[in-house]
Protein backbone atom coordinates (compact mmCIF):
# COMPACT_ATOMS: atom_id res chain seq x y z
CA MET A 1 -14.05 9.88 -8.44
CA ILE A 2 -10.33 9.80 -9.12
CA TRP A 3 -8.35 13.00 -8.48
CA SER A 4 -5.31 13.83 -10.46
CA ARG A 5 -2.08 14.56 -8.65
CA SER A 6 -2.30 18.30 -9.50
CA ALA A 7 -5.90 18.47 -8.26
CA ARG A 8 -4.79 17.11 -4.87
CA LEU A 9 -1.83 19.51 -4.74
CA VAL A 10 -3.89 22.72 -5.11
CA PRO A 11 -5.82 22.35 -1.81
CA ALA A 12 -2.60 21.41 -0.02
CA VAL A 13 -0.86 24.57 -1.28
CA PHE A 14 -3.77 26.77 -0.15
CA LEU A 15 -3.81 25.09 3.27
CA ALA A 16 -0.06 25.60 3.72
CA ALA A 17 -0.29 29.24 2.65
CA ALA A 18 -3.16 29.87 5.06
CA MET A 19 -1.20 28.34 7.95
CA MET A 20 1.81 30.56 7.23
CA CYS A 21 -0.15 33.80 7.15
CA GLN A 22 -0.19 35.93 10.28
CA PRO A 23 -3.51 37.44 11.27
CA VAL A 24 -3.74 41.15 10.54
CA MET A 25 -4.70 43.13 13.64
CA ALA A 26 -6.67 46.34 13.43
CA ALA A 27 -5.78 49.26 15.70
CA GLY A 28 -7.55 49.04 19.02
CA TRP A 29 -7.54 47.98 22.65
CA GLU A 30 -6.72 44.42 23.68
CA GLN A 31 -6.84 42.87 27.15
CA THR A 32 -4.09 40.38 28.01
CA GLU A 33 -4.41 37.13 29.92
CA THR A 34 -3.30 39.00 33.07
CA GLN A 35 -6.09 41.58 32.59
CA ALA A 36 -3.62 44.31 31.54
CA TRP A 37 -4.47 46.49 28.54
CA ARG A 38 -2.49 47.08 25.36
CA TYR A 39 -3.20 49.25 22.35
CA GLU A 40 -2.37 47.76 18.97
CA GLU A 41 -1.30 50.14 16.20
CA ASP A 42 0.46 49.70 12.89
CA GLY A 43 1.02 45.97 13.41
CA GLY A 44 2.58 46.36 16.87
CA TYR A 45 1.77 47.60 20.34
CA ALA A 46 1.95 51.20 21.49
CA ALA A 47 4.94 52.16 23.66
CA GLY A 48 5.53 55.45 25.47
CA TRP A 49 2.96 58.25 25.37
CA ARG A 50 -0.03 57.91 23.04
CA GLN A 51 -3.07 60.14 22.66
CA ILE A 52 -6.07 57.94 21.90
CA ASN A 53 -9.45 59.55 21.28
CA GLY A 54 -8.25 62.77 22.93
CA THR A 55 -6.91 61.08 26.11
CA TRP A 56 -3.22 60.55 26.96
CA TYR A 57 -1.99 57.10 28.05
CA TYR A 58 1.46 55.71 28.83
CA PHE A 59 2.60 52.26 27.70
CA ASP A 60 5.72 50.39 28.82
CA GLU A 61 8.21 48.84 26.39
CA ALA A 62 6.09 45.65 26.24
CA GLY A 63 3.05 47.71 25.23
CA ILE A 64 1.22 47.37 28.58
CA MET A 65 -0.87 50.40 29.59
CA GLN A 66 0.43 51.83 32.86
CA THR A 67 -1.60 53.06 35.85
CA GLY A 68 -0.79 54.89 39.09
CA TRP A 69 2.40 56.91 39.43
CA VAL A 70 4.82 56.23 36.57
CA LYS A 71 8.26 57.63 35.87
CA ALA A 72 8.36 58.10 32.09
CA ALA A 73 11.44 56.77 30.34
CA GLU A 74 11.48 59.68 27.86
CA ASP A 75 12.03 62.48 30.36
CA GLY A 76 12.50 60.81 33.77
CA LEU A 77 9.52 62.73 35.21
CA TRP A 78 6.70 61.34 37.34
CA TYR A 79 3.15 61.29 35.96
CA CYS A 80 -0.13 60.34 37.59
CA LEU A 81 -2.25 57.90 35.60
CA ASP A 82 -5.78 56.97 36.69
CA THR A 83 -5.65 53.63 38.49
CA GLU A 84 -8.77 52.35 36.71
CA THR A 85 -8.60 53.79 33.20
CA GLY A 86 -4.88 54.58 32.78
CA ALA A 87 -5.73 58.11 31.57
CA TRP A 88 -3.23 60.83 32.46
CA VAL A 89 -4.43 62.92 35.42
CA ARG A 90 -3.19 66.46 34.82
CA ARG A 91 -3.95 67.81 38.32
CA PRO A 92 -4.18 64.97 40.83
CA VAL A 93 -5.19 65.63 44.42
CA LEU A 94 -2.09 66.73 46.31
CA ASP A 95 -1.74 63.98 48.87
CA ASP A 96 1.65 62.99 50.31
CA THR A 97 2.58 60.79 47.33
CA ALA A 98 1.62 63.40 44.73
CA VAL A 99 3.57 66.11 46.56
CA ILE A 100 6.71 63.97 46.75
CA ARG A 101 6.49 62.93 43.07
CA PHE A 102 5.91 66.50 41.84
CA MET A 103 8.66 67.83 44.13
CA GLU A 104 11.07 65.24 42.68
CA ASN A 105 10.15 66.53 39.21
CA GLU A 106 10.74 70.15 40.21
CA THR A 107 14.02 69.62 42.07
CA GLY A 108 15.30 67.64 39.06
CA ARG A 109 14.21 70.34 36.59
CA SER A 110 15.69 73.17 38.63
CA GLY A 111 19.14 71.60 38.78
CA TYR A 112 19.76 73.21 42.19
CA TYR A 113 21.04 69.96 43.67
CA ALA A 114 22.54 68.38 40.53
CA GLY A 115 26.09 68.54 41.93
CA GLU A 116 25.17 66.90 45.24
CA GLU A 117 27.14 63.68 45.69
CA ARG A 118 25.00 62.30 48.51
CA GLU A 119 21.68 60.53 47.97
CA LEU A 120 18.79 63.00 48.19
CA ILE A 121 15.31 62.22 49.46
CA LEU A 122 12.16 64.28 49.94
CA CYS A 123 10.15 63.64 53.09
CA VAL A 124 6.70 64.79 54.20
CA ASP A 125 7.36 66.08 57.70
CA SER A 126 3.87 67.23 58.73
CA ARG A 127 0.50 68.53 57.59
CA GLN A 128 -1.44 71.49 58.90
CA ASP A 129 -4.74 72.66 57.40
CA ASN A 130 -4.05 73.10 53.66
CA LEU A 131 -0.26 72.94 53.96
CA ILE A 132 2.09 70.00 53.62
CA TYR A 133 5.58 70.54 55.05
CA VAL A 134 8.33 68.81 53.07
CA SER A 135 12.08 68.63 53.62
CA LEU A 136 14.83 67.80 51.15
CA ARG A 137 17.47 65.70 52.87
CA ALA A 138 20.95 64.51 51.94
CA ILE A 139 21.70 61.09 53.38
CA ASP A 140 24.96 61.10 55.36
CA GLY A 141 24.71 57.55 56.69
CA PRO A 142 22.32 55.15 58.43
CA ASN A 143 19.76 57.22 60.35
CA ASN A 144 21.82 60.33 59.64
CA TYR A 145 20.96 63.13 57.22
CA THR A 146 21.39 66.83 56.57
CA THR A 147 18.34 68.96 55.71
CA LEU A 148 19.14 71.00 52.60
CA ASN A 149 15.83 72.84 52.26
CA ASN A 150 12.30 73.03 53.66
CA TYR A 151 9.15 73.59 51.64
CA ARG A 152 5.54 74.46 52.34
CA VAL A 153 3.12 73.09 49.74
CA HIS A 154 -0.41 74.49 49.49
CA ARG A 155 -2.61 71.44 48.84
CA LYS A 156 -5.30 73.28 46.87
CA THR A 157 -3.18 75.48 44.61
CA GLY A 158 0.08 73.52 44.32
CA LYS A 159 2.10 76.64 45.19
CA VAL A 160 5.38 75.88 46.96
CA SER A 161 7.27 78.23 49.26
CA ALA A 162 10.91 77.38 49.87
CA ASP A 163 13.10 78.40 52.79
CA ALA A 164 15.97 78.89 50.32
CA GLY A 165 15.70 79.53 46.59
CA ALA A 166 12.76 80.51 44.46
CA ASP A 167 9.15 79.60 45.08
CA PHE A 168 7.42 77.54 42.38
CA GLU A 169 4.21 75.70 41.46
CA LEU A 170 3.66 71.96 41.20
CA TYR A 171 0.90 72.29 38.61
CA HIS A 172 2.15 73.61 35.26
């Protein structure tokens, strides 16, 4: 059978068009080669906070779902995300890390130390029963600091008593 030139051109045009088309992705979860998770939406990947099926997740600028303690770019606050599922944990157990992260959020929100020119750090000094003792320190030099305030954090309730200034709660 002899094909005309136009009959041979039609399949070639369809093949070229098919090769140029990008696959259309439906919204949903996708696991990367590195076993990280992304959520595809509207032809791209989610970034920032997204509520998916009633659960909050946080995605970095590359669309990778975050886990563990994450400082959100939008507000500069620390959030606890489940290490397995990535779901936001509203009231994590108040261990040393959680206390420090939440205290950083609160001292930043309060603005009490906004004018301080020295580097500030929060340190867990000790634990006793249901209390965690934390100090806010200004770094004066190597192995040298000034304690600006001391706090007592109740591990079960999240209530914080300060030596100076107002008391507050870590759980909002």
